[in-house]
C-alpha cells in the first residue's frame, strides 16, 4: 500500500501554535503529529508515504 499525506495547510485557525511550527510537527504526547500518522500507516501495511508540504515545509 502507498499513501499520500496532505500536510500543506497554513494552519490559520491554530495560528498561536503554528506561527513558527507547521501543524504536522506539533507535538502530541511529545511526538510530532506526522510521526503518529506515519506509524499508523506502517502498522496497516503501508510501505511508502509521500508528504505534501507547503507552509514551513523545510522543517
N, C-alpha and C. Protein backbone atom coordinates (compact mmCIF):
# COMPACT_ATOMS: atom_id res chain seq x y z
N UNK A 1 0.84 -1.17 0.00
CA UNK A 1 0.00 0.00 0.00
C UNK A 1 0.89 1.24 0.00
N UNK A 2 0.44 2.27 -0.69
CA UNK A 2 1.13 3.56 -0.73
C UNK A 2 0.16 4.62 -0.23
N UNK A 3 0.68 5.69 0.34
CA UNK A 3 -0.18 6.74 0.90
C UNK A 3 0.33 8.12 0.52
N UNK A 4 -0.58 9.06 0.49
CA UNK A 4 -0.26 10.47 0.28
C UNK A 4 -0.82 11.22 1.48
N UNK A 5 0.04 11.89 2.21
CA UNK A 5 -0.38 12.66 3.38
C UNK A 5 -0.45 14.12 2.98
N UNK A 6 -1.63 14.71 3.09
CA UNK A 6 -1.83 16.11 2.73
C UNK A 6 -1.54 16.97 3.96
N UNK A 7 -0.42 17.67 3.95
CA UNK A 7 0.02 18.43 5.11
C UNK A 7 0.45 19.84 4.72
N UNK A 8 -0.22 20.43 3.74
CA UNK A 8 0.23 21.72 3.20
C UNK A 8 -0.57 22.92 3.70
N UNK A 9 -1.52 22.71 4.59
CA UNK A 9 -2.34 23.82 5.05
C UNK A 9 -1.55 24.83 5.87
N UNK A 10 -2.02 26.06 5.89
CA UNK A 10 -1.34 27.12 6.63
C UNK A 10 -1.61 27.07 8.13
N UNK A 11 -2.66 26.42 8.54
CA UNK A 11 -2.97 26.32 9.97
C UNK A 11 -3.44 27.63 10.56
N UNK A 12 -4.18 28.42 9.80
CA UNK A 12 -4.59 29.74 10.27
C UNK A 12 -5.49 29.68 11.50
N UNK A 13 -6.28 28.64 11.66
CA UNK A 13 -7.15 28.53 12.84
C UNK A 13 -6.35 28.16 14.08
N UNK A 14 -5.13 27.73 13.89
CA UNK A 14 -4.27 27.37 15.02
C UNK A 14 -3.05 28.28 15.06
N UNK A 15 -3.24 29.54 14.64
CA UNK A 15 -2.11 30.44 14.44
C UNK A 15 -1.20 30.58 15.65
N UNK A 16 -1.75 30.59 16.84
CA UNK A 16 -0.91 30.71 18.04
C UNK A 16 0.10 29.57 18.13
N UNK A 17 -0.29 28.38 17.69
CA UNK A 17 0.58 27.21 17.77
C UNK A 17 1.44 27.03 16.52
N UNK A 18 0.95 27.53 15.38
CA UNK A 18 1.62 27.23 14.10
C UNK A 18 2.41 28.40 13.51
N UNK A 19 2.57 29.46 14.26
CA UNK A 19 3.32 30.61 13.74
C UNK A 19 4.75 30.21 13.37
N UNK A 20 5.39 29.40 14.20
CA UNK A 20 6.78 29.01 13.96
C UNK A 20 6.94 27.51 13.72
N UNK A 21 5.85 26.79 13.79
CA UNK A 21 5.93 25.32 13.67
C UNK A 21 4.76 24.83 12.82
N UNK A 22 5.02 24.09 11.74
CA UNK A 22 3.92 23.59 10.92
C UNK A 22 3.08 22.56 11.69
N UNK A 23 1.80 22.48 11.35
CA UNK A 23 0.88 21.56 12.05
C UNK A 23 1.41 20.13 12.15
N UNK A 24 1.97 19.55 11.09
CA UNK A 24 2.43 18.16 11.21
C UNK A 24 3.53 17.96 12.25
N UNK A 25 4.22 19.04 12.61
CA UNK A 25 5.31 18.93 13.58
C UNK A 25 4.88 19.27 15.01
N UNK A 26 3.61 19.64 15.19
CA UNK A 26 3.13 19.92 16.55
C UNK A 26 3.18 18.64 17.37
N UNK A 27 3.62 18.73 18.62
CA UNK A 27 3.75 17.51 19.43
C UNK A 27 2.41 17.03 20.00
N UNK A 28 2.26 15.73 20.02
CA UNK A 28 1.16 15.06 20.71
C UNK A 28 1.82 13.95 21.52
N UNK A 29 1.73 14.05 22.84
CA UNK A 29 2.43 13.11 23.72
C UNK A 29 3.93 13.12 23.43
N UNK A 30 4.46 14.33 23.19
CA UNK A 30 5.88 14.57 22.94
C UNK A 30 6.40 13.99 21.62
N UNK A 31 5.49 13.62 20.71
CA UNK A 31 5.87 13.07 19.40
C UNK A 31 5.14 13.89 18.34
N UNK A 32 5.82 14.30 17.26
CA UNK A 32 5.15 15.08 16.22
C UNK A 32 3.94 14.35 15.63
N UNK A 33 2.90 15.10 15.32
CA UNK A 33 1.68 14.51 14.74
C UNK A 33 1.99 13.67 13.52
N UNK A 34 2.89 14.13 12.67
CA UNK A 34 3.21 13.39 11.45
C UNK A 34 3.79 12.02 11.77
N UNK A 35 4.52 11.90 12.86
CA UNK A 35 5.09 10.61 13.26
C UNK A 35 3.98 9.63 13.65
N UNK A 36 2.95 10.12 14.33
CA UNK A 36 1.81 9.27 14.67
C UNK A 36 1.14 8.76 13.39
N UNK A 37 0.97 9.64 12.43
CA UNK A 37 0.34 9.26 11.16
C UNK A 37 1.17 8.22 10.42
N UNK A 38 2.48 8.45 10.34
CA UNK A 38 3.36 7.51 9.65
C UNK A 38 3.38 6.15 10.34
N UNK A 39 3.37 6.13 11.66
CA UNK A 39 3.36 4.87 12.40
C UNK A 39 2.08 4.09 12.13
N UNK A 40 0.95 4.77 12.13
CA UNK A 40 -0.32 4.09 11.83
C UNK A 40 -0.32 3.52 10.41
N UNK A 41 0.19 4.28 9.46
CA UNK A 41 0.26 3.78 8.09
C UNK A 41 1.14 2.53 8.02
N UNK A 42 2.28 2.57 8.69
CA UNK A 42 3.20 1.42 8.71
C UNK A 42 2.53 0.20 9.33
N UNK A 43 1.84 0.41 10.46
CA UNK A 43 1.16 -0.70 11.14
C UNK A 43 0.08 -1.34 10.28
N UNK A 44 -0.47 -0.58 9.34
CA UNK A 44 -1.52 -1.08 8.47
C UNK A 44 -1.00 -1.51 7.10
N UNK A 45 0.32 -1.69 7.00
CA UNK A 45 0.89 -2.26 5.79
C UNK A 45 1.35 -1.29 4.73
N UNK A 46 1.41 -0.03 5.04
CA UNK A 46 1.86 0.96 4.05
C UNK A 46 3.39 0.89 3.95
N UNK A 47 3.89 0.77 2.73
CA UNK A 47 5.33 0.68 2.53
C UNK A 47 5.93 1.98 1.98
N UNK A 48 5.10 2.93 1.60
CA UNK A 48 5.58 4.19 1.04
C UNK A 48 4.59 5.30 1.37
N UNK A 49 5.09 6.44 1.80
CA UNK A 49 4.22 7.59 2.07
C UNK A 49 4.88 8.84 1.52
N UNK A 50 4.15 9.58 0.71
CA UNK A 50 4.59 10.88 0.22
C UNK A 50 3.88 11.93 1.05
N UNK A 51 4.59 12.98 1.40
CA UNK A 51 4.01 14.02 2.24
C UNK A 51 4.00 15.32 1.45
N UNK A 52 2.82 15.88 1.23
CA UNK A 52 2.64 17.14 0.53
C UNK A 52 2.81 18.26 1.55
N UNK A 53 3.89 19.03 1.44
CA UNK A 53 4.15 20.12 2.38
C UNK A 53 4.10 21.46 1.67
N UNK A 54 3.94 22.51 2.45
CA UNK A 54 3.98 23.87 1.90
C UNK A 54 4.48 24.81 2.99
N UNK A 55 3.62 25.15 3.92
CA UNK A 55 3.95 26.11 4.97
C UNK A 55 5.05 25.55 5.87
N UNK A 56 6.20 26.20 5.90
CA UNK A 56 7.36 25.77 6.69
C UNK A 56 7.75 24.33 6.38
N UNK A 57 7.59 23.93 5.14
CA UNK A 57 7.84 22.56 4.72
C UNK A 57 9.25 22.07 4.93
N UNK A 58 10.21 22.99 4.96
CA UNK A 58 11.59 22.57 5.15
C UNK A 58 11.86 22.06 6.57
N UNK A 59 10.94 22.33 7.49
CA UNK A 59 11.12 21.84 8.86
C UNK A 59 10.76 20.38 8.92
